[in-house]
Amino acid sequence: MVFDFKKEYKEWYPTKKTPEIVTIPKRNFIAFSGQGDPNVLNGEYQKGIPLLYALMYTIKMSKNTSTKIPGYFDFVVPPLEGFWWQKGIKGVDITKKEDFNFISFIPLPDFVTEEVVQWAKNVATEKKKMDFSKINYMTYNEGKCVQCLHVGPFNTEIETVNKMHDFMTEKGFSLDISETRYHHEIYLGDVRKSAPEKLKTIIRHPIK
């Protein structure tokens, strides 16, 4: 059976537009960081995303090569995720996209080590003739958060964020966005192929 993150960790991928409290453990990712408007053609964000997927599929399809990764099991490539922040703001100001800093990442199956990621970078560099030097292995412990599924354009996320913050306050928590804890988005489906009103994004905010 092919391992599917969304099925195995249902608590991380809510399907209802209802806020909830969740504790996310330490996990491993492949990631790259950058700055600027994610909508800019050939900007840092748009150039980096294909690199993440190229490495994930290099690892996934290693089953068809002579390379046998210890502990390998087949898996569905998980959804793309991202941390977003702007200096001096707790949260994000979507009217100033040019000020965004971001870390974009994809979760890794447990068998994928830093050495496996380096192997995948070497293989993908040779095969695709692309520069993977900005893609890194990352470990992050997110901790306690409030999260909610947002359906609709990114520009209307504030409606869901306000609902999340009201919920966390009712439950006795406060927002804990900082220099090490971020506004977090998880993208369900393909943004390039979905109508804005049908986009599904999980929004997650750190709390204490």
N, C-alpha and C. Protein backbone atom coordinates (compact mmCIF):
# COMPACT_ATOMS: atom_id res chain seq x y z
N MET A 1 0.84 -1.20 0.00
CA MET A 1 0.00 0.00 0.00
C MET A 1 0.88 1.25 0.00
N VAL A 2 0.51 2.24 -0.80
CA VAL A 2 1.28 3.48 -0.89
C VAL A 2 0.93 4.38 0.29
N PHE A 3 1.96 4.87 0.96
CA PHE A 3 1.78 5.72 2.14
C PHE A 3 1.28 7.10 1.70
N ASP A 4 0.20 7.58 2.33
CA ASP A 4 -0.39 8.88 2.01
C ASP A 4 -0.46 9.72 3.28
N PHE A 5 0.31 10.79 3.32
CA PHE A 5 0.35 11.65 4.51
C PHE A 5 -1.04 12.12 4.91
N LYS A 6 -1.86 12.52 3.94
CA LYS A 6 -3.17 13.09 4.26
C LYS A 6 -4.10 12.06 4.90
N LYS A 7 -3.89 10.79 4.59
CA LYS A 7 -4.71 9.73 5.19
C LYS A 7 -4.14 9.26 6.51
N GLU A 8 -2.81 9.20 6.61
CA GLU A 8 -2.18 8.71 7.83
C GLU A 8 -2.19 9.74 8.95
N TYR A 9 -2.15 11.02 8.60
CA TYR A 9 -2.11 12.10 9.59
C TYR A 9 -3.27 13.05 9.35
N LYS A 10 -4.47 12.51 9.50
CA LYS A 10 -5.68 13.29 9.20
C LYS A 10 -5.80 14.54 10.05
N GLU A 11 -5.24 14.49 11.27
CA GLU A 11 -5.34 15.66 12.15
C GLU A 11 -4.52 16.84 11.63
N TRP A 12 -3.58 16.59 10.75
CA TRP A 12 -2.76 17.67 10.18
C TRP A 12 -3.40 18.28 8.95
N TYR A 13 -4.40 17.60 8.39
CA TYR A 13 -5.01 18.05 7.14
C TYR A 13 -6.53 18.12 7.29
N PRO A 14 -7.05 19.11 8.02
CA PRO A 14 -8.49 19.21 8.25
C PRO A 14 -9.27 19.40 6.96
N THR A 15 -10.47 18.85 6.92
CA THR A 15 -11.32 18.93 5.74
C THR A 15 -12.55 19.80 5.97
N LYS A 16 -12.69 20.35 7.18
CA LYS A 16 -13.83 21.19 7.50
C LYS A 16 -13.36 22.61 7.83
N LYS A 17 -14.22 23.57 7.54
CA LYS A 17 -13.88 24.98 7.78
C LYS A 17 -14.19 25.38 9.22
N THR A 18 -13.69 24.55 10.15
CA THR A 18 -13.90 24.77 11.57
C THR A 18 -12.55 24.83 12.28
N PRO A 19 -12.24 25.89 13.02
CA PRO A 19 -10.94 25.98 13.70
C PRO A 19 -10.76 24.86 14.71
N GLU A 20 -9.52 24.45 14.90
CA GLU A 20 -9.20 23.42 15.89
C GLU A 20 -7.78 23.62 16.39
N ILE A 21 -7.53 23.09 17.58
CA ILE A 21 -6.20 23.14 18.18
C ILE A 21 -5.48 21.84 17.86
N VAL A 22 -4.22 21.94 17.46
CA VAL A 22 -3.45 20.75 17.09
C VAL A 22 -2.01 20.94 17.54
N THR A 23 -1.36 19.84 17.89
CA THR A 23 0.07 19.87 18.24
C THR A 23 0.83 19.11 17.17
N ILE A 24 1.74 19.82 16.48
CA ILE A 24 2.50 19.25 15.39
C ILE A 24 3.90 18.88 15.89
N PRO A 25 4.30 17.63 15.78
CA PRO A 25 5.61 17.20 16.27
C PRO A 25 6.75 17.62 15.34
N LYS A 26 7.96 17.34 15.77
CA LYS A 26 9.13 17.62 14.95
C LYS A 26 9.07 16.77 13.68
N ARG A 27 9.29 17.43 12.54
CA ARG A 27 9.24 16.74 11.25
C ARG A 27 10.39 17.20 10.37
N ASN A 28 10.64 16.42 9.31
CA ASN A 28 11.71 16.74 8.37
C ASN A 28 11.14 17.13 7.02
N PHE A 29 11.83 18.03 6.32
CA PHE A 29 11.36 18.56 5.05
C PHE A 29 12.53 18.77 4.10
N ILE A 30 12.19 18.97 2.82
CA ILE A 30 13.11 19.65 1.92
C ILE A 30 12.54 21.05 1.73
N ALA A 31 13.42 22.05 1.72
CA ALA A 31 12.93 23.43 1.77
C ALA A 31 13.88 24.38 1.06
N PHE A 32 13.33 25.53 0.70
CA PHE A 32 14.16 26.65 0.25
C PHE A 32 13.54 27.93 0.77
N SER A 33 14.34 28.94 0.93
CA SER A 33 13.85 30.22 1.46
C SER A 33 14.08 31.32 0.43
N GLY A 34 13.31 32.40 0.57
CA GLY A 34 13.45 33.51 -0.36
C GLY A 34 12.68 34.72 0.10
N GLN A 35 12.57 35.68 -0.80
CA GLN A 35 11.91 36.95 -0.48
C GLN A 35 11.22 37.47 -1.72
N GLY A 36 10.08 38.12 -1.52
CA GLY A 36 9.39 38.77 -2.62
C GLY A 36 8.00 38.24 -2.89
N ASP A 37 7.32 38.87 -3.83
CA ASP A 37 5.96 38.52 -4.23
C ASP A 37 5.96 37.13 -4.89
N PRO A 38 5.18 36.18 -4.34
CA PRO A 38 5.18 34.84 -4.92
C PRO A 38 4.53 34.78 -6.31
N ASN A 39 3.82 35.83 -6.69
CA ASN A 39 3.14 35.84 -7.98
C ASN A 39 4.02 36.34 -9.13
N VAL A 40 5.21 36.83 -8.81
CA VAL A 40 6.10 37.37 -9.84
C VAL A 40 6.64 36.25 -10.71
N LEU A 41 6.43 36.36 -12.01
CA LEU A 41 6.91 35.35 -12.95
C LEU A 41 8.43 35.25 -12.88
N ASN A 42 8.93 34.04 -12.69
CA ASN A 42 10.37 33.78 -12.58
C ASN A 42 11.00 34.41 -11.34
N GLY A 43 10.16 34.75 -10.35
CA GLY A 43 10.69 35.22 -9.07
C GLY A 43 11.24 34.05 -8.27
N GLU A 44 11.82 34.34 -7.12
CA GLU A 44 12.44 33.29 -6.30
C GLU A 44 11.47 32.16 -5.98
N TYR A 45 10.23 32.53 -5.64
CA TYR A 45 9.25 31.52 -5.25
C TYR A 45 8.91 30.60 -6.42
N GLN A 46 8.57 31.18 -7.56
CA GLN A 46 8.14 30.37 -8.70
C GLN A 46 9.27 29.53 -9.28
N LYS A 47 10.49 29.99 -9.15
CA LYS A 47 11.62 29.19 -9.64
C LYS A 47 11.96 28.05 -8.70
N GLY A 48 11.65 28.21 -7.41
CA GLY A 48 12.03 27.20 -6.43
C GLY A 48 11.09 26.03 -6.32
N ILE A 49 9.80 26.25 -6.54
CA ILE A 49 8.81 25.19 -6.35
C ILE A 49 9.08 23.96 -7.23
N PRO A 50 9.38 24.13 -8.54
CA PRO A 50 9.67 22.94 -9.36
C PRO A 50 10.87 22.14 -8.86
N LEU A 51 11.81 22.80 -8.20
CA LEU A 51 12.96 22.10 -7.66
C LEU A 51 12.56 21.16 -6.54
N LEU A 52 11.65 21.62 -5.67
CA LEU A 52 11.17 20.77 -4.58
C LEU A 52 10.52 19.50 -5.13
N TYR A 53 9.64 19.69 -6.11
CA TYR A 53 8.94 18.53 -6.66
C TYR A 53 9.89 17.60 -7.41
N ALA A 54 10.87 18.16 -8.10
CA ALA A 54 11.84 17.33 -8.81
C ALA A 54 12.58 16.41 -7.84
N LEU A 55 12.95 16.93 -6.66
CA LEU A 55 13.65 16.10 -5.68
C LEU A 55 12.72 15.07 -5.07
N MET A 56 11.48 15.46 -4.77
CA MET A 56 10.54 14.50 -4.18
C MET A 56 10.32 13.32 -5.13
N TYR A 57 10.17 13.61 -6.42
CA TYR A 57 9.91 12.52 -7.36
C TYR A 57 11.17 11.72 -7.66
N THR A 58 12.34 12.33 -7.50
CA THR A 58 13.58 11.57 -7.62
C THR A 58 13.66 10.53 -6.51
N ILE A 59 13.28 10.93 -5.30
CA ILE A 59 13.28 10.01 -4.16
C ILE A 59 12.20 8.94 -4.35
N LYS A 60 11.01 9.37 -4.70
CA LYS A 60 9.90 8.43 -4.87
C LYS A 60 10.21 7.38 -5.93
N MET A 61 10.75 7.81 -7.06
CA MET A 61 10.97 6.90 -8.18
C MET A 61 12.30 6.16 -8.11
N SER A 62 13.01 6.32 -7.00
CA SER A 62 14.25 5.55 -6.81
C SER A 62 13.96 4.06 -6.82
N LYS A 63 12.71 3.69 -6.57
CA LYS A 63 12.31 2.27 -6.58
C LYS A 63 12.53 1.63 -7.95
N ASN A 64 12.59 2.47 -9.00
CA ASN A 64 12.78 1.96 -10.36
C ASN A 64 14.23 2.01 -10.82
N THR A 65 15.14 2.29 -9.88
CA THR A 65 16.56 2.38 -10.21
C THR A 65 17.34 1.31 -9.45
N SER A 66 18.62 1.30 -9.68
CA SER A 66 19.48 0.33 -8.98
C SER A 66 19.79 0.78 -7.56
N THR A 67 19.46 2.02 -7.23
CA THR A 67 19.71 2.54 -5.88
C THR A 67 18.62 2.07 -4.93
N LYS A 68 19.00 1.42 -3.86
CA LYS A 68 18.05 0.94 -2.87
C LYS A 68 18.24 1.75 -1.58
N ILE A 69 17.30 2.63 -1.30
CA ILE A 69 17.37 3.48 -0.11
C ILE A 69 16.92 2.66 1.10
N PRO A 70 17.73 2.58 2.16
CA PRO A 70 17.34 1.81 3.34
C PRO A 70 15.99 2.28 3.90
N GLY A 71 15.11 1.32 4.16
CA GLY A 71 13.82 1.63 4.76
C GLY A 71 12.79 2.18 3.79
N TYR A 72 13.13 2.22 2.49
CA TYR A 72 12.24 2.84 1.50
C TYR A 72 10.84 2.22 1.52
N PHE A 73 9.82 3.08 1.41
CA PHE A 73 8.45 2.64 1.12
C PHE A 73 7.85 3.66 0.17
N ASP A 74 6.98 3.19 -0.71
CA ASP A 74 6.38 4.09 -1.69
C ASP A 74 5.41 5.04 -1.00
N PHE A 75 5.27 6.24 -1.55
CA PHE A 75 4.46 7.26 -0.89
C PHE A 75 3.85 8.22 -1.91
N VAL A 76 2.76 8.84 -1.51
CA VAL A 76 2.16 9.92 -2.27
C VAL A 76 2.89 11.20 -1.88
N VAL A 77 3.36 11.97 -2.86
CA VAL A 77 4.06 13.22 -2.54
C VAL A 77 3.09 14.13 -1.79
N PRO A 78 3.46 14.58 -0.59
CA PRO A 78 2.57 15.39 0.25
C PRO A 78 2.34 16.79 -0.34
N PRO A 79 1.34 17.51 0.16
CA PRO A 79 1.09 18.86 -0.31
C PRO A 79 2.25 19.82 -0.01
N LEU A 80 2.39 20.79 -0.87
CA LEU A 80 3.34 21.88 -0.66
C LEU A 80 2.90 22.72 0.53
N GLU A 81 3.88 23.18 1.33
CA GLU A 81 3.58 24.03 2.48
C GLU A 81 4.48 25.27 2.46
N GLY A 82 4.14 26.25 3.27
CA GLY A 82 4.97 27.44 3.31
C GLY A 82 4.82 28.23 4.60
N PHE A 83 5.93 28.74 5.11
CA PHE A 83 5.94 29.73 6.18
C PHE A 83 6.09 31.10 5.53
N TRP A 84 5.32 32.06 6.03
CA TRP A 84 5.34 33.41 5.46
C TRP A 84 5.44 34.44 6.59
N TRP A 85 6.25 35.47 6.38
CA TRP A 85 6.32 36.55 7.36
C TRP A 85 6.82 37.83 6.70
N GLN A 86 6.52 38.94 7.38
CA GLN A 86 7.00 40.26 6.97
C GLN A 86 7.54 40.94 8.22
N LYS A 87 8.63 41.62 8.09
CA LYS A 87 9.26 42.25 9.24
C LYS A 87 8.33 43.28 9.87
N GLY A 88 8.23 43.19 11.19
CA GLY A 88 7.42 44.16 11.93
C GLY A 88 5.94 43.86 11.97
N ILE A 89 5.52 42.70 11.42
CA ILE A 89 4.10 42.36 11.37
C ILE A 89 3.89 40.99 11.99
N LYS A 90 2.90 40.86 12.87
CA LYS A 90 2.53 39.55 13.41
C LYS A 90 1.43 38.98 12.53
N GLY A 91 1.83 38.17 11.59
CA GLY A 91 0.89 37.66 10.61
C GLY A 91 1.38 38.08 9.23
N VAL A 92 0.46 38.36 8.32
CA VAL A 92 0.85 38.80 6.98
C VAL A 92 -0.06 39.92 6.51
N ASP A 93 0.49 40.81 5.72
CA ASP A 93 -0.26 41.89 5.09
C ASP A 93 -0.28 41.61 3.59
N ILE A 94 -1.43 41.10 3.09
CA ILE A 94 -1.48 40.66 1.70
C ILE A 94 -1.43 41.83 0.72
N THR A 95 -1.55 43.06 1.21
CA THR A 95 -1.46 44.22 0.32
C THR A 95 -0.01 44.58 0.02
N LYS A 96 0.92 43.93 0.72
CA LYS A 96 2.34 44.23 0.52
C LYS A 96 3.11 42.92 0.25
N LYS A 97 2.70 42.25 -0.80
CA LYS A 97 3.29 40.95 -1.13
C LYS A 97 4.79 41.04 -1.43
N GLU A 98 5.23 42.23 -1.89
CA GLU A 98 6.64 42.39 -2.22
C GLU A 98 7.53 42.32 -0.98
N ASP A 99 6.93 42.45 0.22
CA ASP A 99 7.69 42.41 1.46
C ASP A 99 7.74 41.02 2.08
N PHE A 100 7.16 40.03 1.42
CA PHE A 100 7.13 38.69 1.97
C PHE A 100 8.52 38.07 2.07
N ASN A 101 8.75 37.39 3.19
CA ASN A 101 9.84 36.42 3.32
C ASN A 101 9.15 35.05 3.43
N PHE A 102 9.79 34.03 2.93
CA PHE A 102 9.13 32.73 2.97
C PHE A 102 10.12 31.58 3.07
N ILE A 103 9.61 30.48 3.60
CA ILE A 103 10.28 29.18 3.52
C ILE A 103 9.25 28.24 2.93
N SER A 104 9.53 27.70 1.76
CA SER A 104 8.62 26.76 1.12
C SER A 104 9.18 25.36 1.27
N PHE A 105 8.30 24.38 1.54
CA PHE A 105 8.80 23.05 1.87
C PHE A 105 7.77 21.97 1.60
N ILE A 106 8.28 20.73 1.54
CA ILE A 106 7.44 19.54 1.41
C ILE A 106 7.90 18.54 2.46
N PRO A 107 6.98 17.97 3.24
CA PRO A 107 7.35 16.98 4.26
C PRO A 107 7.98 15.73 3.65
N LEU A 108 8.88 15.13 4.40
CA LEU A 108 9.59 13.94 3.95
C LEU A 108 9.10 12.69 4.69
N PRO A 109 9.02 11.56 4.01
CA PRO A 109 8.79 10.29 4.71
C PRO A 109 9.93 10.03 5.70
N ASP A 110 9.64 9.23 6.71
CA ASP A 110 10.62 9.00 7.78
C ASP A 110 11.94 8.40 7.30
N PHE A 111 11.92 7.63 6.21
CA PHE A 111 13.15 6.98 5.78
C PHE A 111 14.13 7.94 5.10
N VAL A 112 13.67 9.14 4.76
CA VAL A 112 14.52 10.08 4.03
C VAL A 112 15.42 10.85 5.00
N THR A 113 16.69 10.62 4.91
CA THR A 113 17.69 11.29 5.73
C THR A 113 18.32 12.43 4.94
N GLU A 114 19.18 13.18 5.61
CA GLU A 114 19.91 14.26 4.94
C GLU A 114 20.78 13.70 3.82
N GLU A 115 21.33 12.50 4.05
CA GLU A 115 22.18 11.87 3.04
C GLU A 115 21.35 11.48 1.80
N VAL A 116 20.13 11.03 2.03
CA VAL A 116 19.25 10.69 0.90
C VAL A 116 18.91 11.93 0.08
N VAL A 117 18.67 13.03 0.76
CA VAL A 117 18.37 14.29 0.07
C VAL A 117 19.57 14.71 -0.78
N GLN A 118 20.77 14.58 -0.24
CA GLN A 118 21.97 14.94 -1.00
C GLN A 118 22.12 14.04 -2.22
N TRP A 119 21.84 12.76 -2.04
CA TRP A 119 21.88 11.84 -3.18
C TRP A 119 20.88 12.28 -4.26
N ALA A 120 19.66 12.63 -3.84
CA ALA A 120 18.63 13.06 -4.79
C ALA A 120 19.04 14.34 -5.51
N LYS A 121 19.68 15.26 -4.80
CA LYS A 121 20.16 16.49 -5.42
C LYS A 121 21.20 16.18 -6.49
N ASN A 122 22.10 15.27 -6.19
CA ASN A 122 23.13 14.91 -7.16
C ASN A 122 22.53 14.27 -8.41
N VAL A 123 21.59 13.35 -8.19
CA VAL A 123 20.95 12.66 -9.31
C VAL A 123 20.13 13.63 -10.15
N ALA A 124 19.33 14.48 -9.49
CA ALA A 124 18.47 15.41 -10.22
C ALA A 124 19.29 16.47 -10.96
N THR A 125 20.40 16.89 -10.36
CA THR A 125 21.26 17.87 -11.02
C THR A 125 21.81 17.30 -12.33
N GLU A 126 22.24 16.06 -12.28
CA GLU A 126 22.80 15.41 -13.47
C GLU A 126 21.72 15.17 -14.52
N LYS A 127 20.54 14.75 -14.08
CA LYS A 127 19.48 14.37 -15.02
C LYS A 127 18.77 15.57 -15.61
N LYS A 128 18.48 16.57 -14.77
CA LYS A 128 17.66 17.69 -15.22
C LYS A 128 18.46 18.94 -15.55
N LYS A 129 19.76 18.92 -15.24
CA LYS A 129 20.63 20.07 -15.52
C LYS A 129 20.08 21.34 -14.88
N MET A 130 19.65 21.21 -13.63
CA MET A 130 19.12 22.34 -12.86
C MET A 130 19.96 22.53 -11.61
N ASP A 131 19.90 23.72 -11.04
CA ASP A 131 20.68 24.04 -9.85
C ASP A 131 19.84 23.82 -8.60
N PHE A 132 20.20 22.80 -7.82
CA PHE A 132 19.46 22.46 -6.61
C PHE A 132 20.18 22.94 -5.34
N SER A 133 21.14 23.82 -5.48
CA SER A 133 21.97 24.22 -4.34
C SER A 133 21.19 24.94 -3.24
N LYS A 134 20.07 25.55 -3.60
CA LYS A 134 19.29 26.29 -2.60
C LYS A 134 18.28 25.42 -1.85
N ILE A 135 18.16 24.16 -2.26
CA ILE A 135 17.25 23.24 -1.59
C ILE A 135 17.99 22.56 -0.44
N ASN A 136 17.41 22.61 0.75
CA ASN A 136 18.07 22.07 1.93
C ASN A 136 17.16 21.12 2.70
N TYR A 137 17.79 20.27 3.47
CA TYR A 137 17.09 19.40 4.43
C TYR A 137 16.81 20.23 5.67
N MET A 138 15.57 20.21 6.15
CA MET A 138 15.18 21.05 7.29
C MET A 138 14.40 20.23 8.31
N THR A 139 14.69 20.45 9.57
CA THR A 139 13.93 19.85 10.67
C THR A 139 13.26 20.97 11.45
N TYR A 140 11.98 20.81 11.76
CA TYR A 140 11.25 21.88 12.45
C TYR A 140 10.23 21.27 13.40
N ASN A 141 10.17 21.81 14.62
CA ASN A 141 9.20 21.39 15.62
C ASN A 141 8.18 22.50 15.78
N GLU A 142 7.01 22.33 15.19
CA GLU A 142 6.03 23.42 15.14
C GLU A 142 5.27 23.62 16.44
N GLY A 143 4.97 22.55 17.15
CA GLY A 143 4.31 22.68 18.44
C GLY A 143 2.82 22.94 18.36
N LYS A 144 2.29 23.60 19.38
CA LYS A 144 0.84 23.81 19.48
C LYS A 144 0.39 24.95 18.58
N CYS A 145 -0.69 24.70 17.84
CA CYS A 145 -1.17 25.68 16.86
C CYS A 145 -2.70 25.66 16.80
N VAL A 146 -3.26 26.70 16.21
CA VAL A 146 -4.66 26.70 15.79
C VAL A 146 -4.65 26.63 14.27
N GLN A 147 -5.55 25.83 13.71
CA GLN A 147 -5.57 25.67 12.26
C GLN A 147 -7.00 25.61 11.75
N CYS A 148 -7.16 25.87 10.44
CA CYS A 148 -8.49 25.83 9.85
C CYS A 148 -8.35 25.74 8.33
N LEU A 149 -9.27 25.05 7.69
CA LEU A 149 -9.31 25.00 6.24
C LEU A 149 -9.94 26.28 5.71
N HIS A 150 -9.26 26.92 4.77
CA HIS A 150 -9.78 28.10 4.08
C HIS A 150 -10.10 27.72 2.65
N VAL A 151 -11.33 28.03 2.21
CA VAL A 151 -11.72 27.78 0.83
C VAL A 151 -11.98 29.12 0.16
N GLY A 152 -11.24 29.39 -0.91
CA GLY A 152 -11.40 30.65 -1.60
C GLY A 152 -10.06 31.28 -1.92
N PRO A 153 -10.08 32.49 -2.48
CA PRO A 153 -8.83 33.18 -2.86
C PRO A 153 -7.94 33.46 -1.66
N PHE A 154 -6.65 33.56 -1.91
CA PHE A 154 -5.71 33.89 -0.85
C PHE A 154 -6.02 35.26 -0.24
N ASN A 155 -6.54 36.17 -1.05
CA ASN A 155 -6.81 37.53 -0.57
C ASN A 155 -7.95 37.60 0.44
N THR A 156 -8.70 36.50 0.61
CA THR A 156 -9.79 36.50 1.60
C THR A 156 -9.43 35.69 2.85
N GLU A 157 -8.17 35.32 2.98
CA GLU A 157 -7.75 34.50 4.12
C GLU A 157 -8.02 35.17 5.47
N ILE A 158 -8.04 36.50 5.49
CA ILE A 158 -8.22 37.21 6.76
C ILE A 158 -9.52 36.80 7.44
N GLU A 159 -10.53 36.43 6.68
CA GLU A 159 -11.81 36.00 7.26
C GLU A 159 -11.61 34.73 8.09
N THR A 160 -10.85 33.79 7.54
CA THR A 160 -10.57 32.54 8.26
C THR A 160 -9.63 32.78 9.42
N VAL A 161 -8.64 33.64 9.22
CA VAL A 161 -7.69 33.96 10.29
C VAL A 161 -8.42 34.57 11.49
N ASN A 162 -9.34 35.49 11.24
CA ASN A 162 -10.10 36.11 12.33
C ASN A 162 -10.91 35.07 13.09
N LYS A 163 -11.49 34.12 12.35
CA LYS A 163 -12.27 33.04 12.98
C LYS A 163 -11.35 32.17 13.85
N MET A 164 -10.16 31.89 13.36
CA MET A 164 -9.20 31.10 14.12
C MET A 164 -8.79 31.81 15.40
N HIS A 165 -8.54 33.10 15.30
CA HIS A 165 -8.08 33.86 16.47
C HIS A 165 -9.18 33.99 17.51
N ASP A 166 -10.41 34.15 17.09
CA ASP A 166 -11.53 34.18 18.04
C ASP A 166 -11.63 32.84 18.77
N PHE A 167 -11.45 31.77 18.03
CA PHE A 167 -11.54 30.43 18.61
C PHE A 167 -10.43 30.20 19.62
N MET A 168 -9.19 30.56 19.28
CA MET A 168 -8.07 30.31 20.20
C MET A 168 -8.24 31.12 21.48
N THR A 169 -8.78 32.34 21.36
CA THR A 169 -9.01 33.18 22.54
C THR A 169 -10.05 32.54 23.45
N GLU A 170 -11.11 32.02 22.85
CA GLU A 170 -12.16 31.34 23.62
C GLU A 170 -11.60 30.14 24.37
N LYS A 171 -10.59 29.50 23.80
CA LYS A 171 -9.99 28.31 24.40
C LYS A 171 -8.85 28.65 25.36
N GLY A 172 -8.59 29.94 25.56
CA GLY A 172 -7.58 30.36 26.52
C GLY A 172 -6.17 30.47 25.99
N PHE A 173 -6.02 30.56 24.67
CA PHE A 173 -4.70 30.67 24.06
C PHE A 173 -4.50 32.06 23.47
N SER A 174 -3.24 32.39 23.20
CA SER A 174 -2.91 33.65 22.53
C SER A 174 -1.97 33.36 21.36
N LEU A 175 -1.95 34.27 20.41
CA LEU A 175 -1.12 34.12 19.22
C LEU A 175 0.36 34.16 19.60
N ASP A 176 1.18 33.31 18.97
CA ASP A 176 2.60 33.24 19.32
C ASP A 176 3.48 33.32 18.07
N ILE A 177 3.07 34.13 17.10
CA ILE A 177 3.92 34.37 15.94
C ILE A 177 5.15 35.15 16.39
N SER A 178 6.33 34.70 15.94
CA SER A 178 7.58 35.32 16.38
C SER A 178 8.62 35.17 15.28
N GLU A 179 9.88 35.40 15.62
CA GLU A 179 10.96 35.25 14.64
C GLU A 179 11.24 33.79 14.31
N THR A 180 10.68 32.88 15.09
CA THR A 180 10.91 31.45 14.85
C THR A 180 9.61 30.66 14.68
N ARG A 181 8.47 31.32 14.82
CA ARG A 181 7.17 30.67 14.63
C ARG A 181 6.35 31.54 13.66
N TYR A 182 5.74 30.91 12.65
CA TYR A 182 5.27 31.68 11.51
C TYR A 182 3.81 31.41 11.13
N HIS A 183 3.29 32.33 10.30
CA HIS A 183 2.06 32.09 9.55
C HIS A 183 2.36 30.94 8.60
N HIS A 184 1.51 29.91 8.63
CA HIS A 184 1.78 28.66 7.91
C HIS A 184 0.62 28.35 6.99
N GLU A 185 0.93 28.02 5.75
CA GLU A 185 -0.09 27.64 4.78
C GLU A 185 0.25 26.28 4.17
N ILE A 186 -0.79 25.46 3.98
CA ILE A 186 -0.65 24.15 3.34
C ILE A 186 -1.61 24.14 2.16
N TYR A 187 -1.08 23.85 0.98
CA TYR A 187 -1.85 24.01 -0.25
C TYR A 187 -2.38 22.66 -0.74
N LEU A 188 -3.70 22.51 -0.70
CA LEU A 188 -4.34 21.28 -1.14
C LEU A 188 -4.76 21.44 -2.60
N GLY A 189 -4.29 20.58 -3.45
CA GLY A 189 -4.59 20.72 -4.87
C GLY A 189 -3.55 21.59 -5.56
N ASP A 190 -3.76 21.81 -6.84
CA ASP A 190 -2.83 22.55 -7.68
C ASP A 190 -3.33 23.96 -7.88
N VAL A 191 -2.62 24.93 -7.31
CA VAL A 191 -3.02 26.33 -7.41
C VAL A 191 -3.14 26.77 -8.86
N ARG A 192 -2.28 26.22 -9.72
CA ARG A 192 -2.26 26.63 -11.13
C ARG A 192 -3.49 26.16 -11.88
N LYS A 193 -4.18 25.14 -11.39
CA LYS A 193 -5.30 24.55 -12.11
C LYS A 193 -6.66 24.81 -11.47
N SER A 194 -6.67 25.44 -10.28
CA SER A 194 -7.92 25.64 -9.55
C SER A 194 -8.41 27.08 -9.70
N ALA A 195 -9.72 27.24 -9.83
CA ALA A 195 -10.30 28.57 -9.82
C ALA A 195 -10.11 29.18 -8.44
N PRO A 196 -9.88 30.49 -8.34
CA PRO A 196 -9.61 31.12 -7.03
C PRO A 196 -10.65 30.78 -5.97
N GLU A 197 -11.93 30.74 -6.34
CA GLU A 197 -12.98 30.49 -5.36
C GLU A 197 -12.99 29.04 -4.87
N LYS A 198 -12.24 28.17 -5.56
CA LYS A 198 -12.20 26.76 -5.16
C LYS A 198 -10.88 26.35 -4.52
N LEU A 199 -9.97 27.30 -4.37
CA LEU A 199 -8.69 26.99 -3.72
C LEU A 199 -8.91 26.51 -2.29
N LYS A 200 -8.16 25.49 -1.90
CA LYS A 200 -8.24 24.98 -0.53
C LYS A 200 -6.87 25.13 0.13
N THR A 201 -6.83 25.90 1.20
CA THR A 201 -5.59 26.18 1.91
C THR A 201 -5.79 25.97 3.40
N ILE A 202 -4.96 25.15 4.01
CA ILE A 202 -5.00 25.03 5.47
C ILE A 202 -4.12 26.14 6.03
N ILE A 203 -4.69 26.94 6.93
CA ILE A 203 -3.94 28.01 7.58
C ILE A 203 -3.67 27.56 9.01
N ARG A 204 -2.43 27.74 9.44
CA ARG A 204 -2.03 27.30 10.77
C ARG A 204 -1.22 28.41 11.45
N HIS A 205 -1.60 28.75 12.67
CA HIS A 205 -0.88 29.77 13.43
C HIS A 205 -0.40 29.23 14.76
N PRO A 206 0.80 29.54 15.17
CA PRO A 206 1.33 29.10 16.47
C PRO A 206 0.63 29.82 17.62
N ILE A 207 0.40 29.09 18.68
CA ILE A 207 -0.27 29.65 19.86
C ILE A 207 0.46 29.25 21.13
N LYS A 208 0.10 29.92 22.22
CA LYS A 208 0.64 29.55 23.53
C LYS A 208 -0.41 29.78 24.60
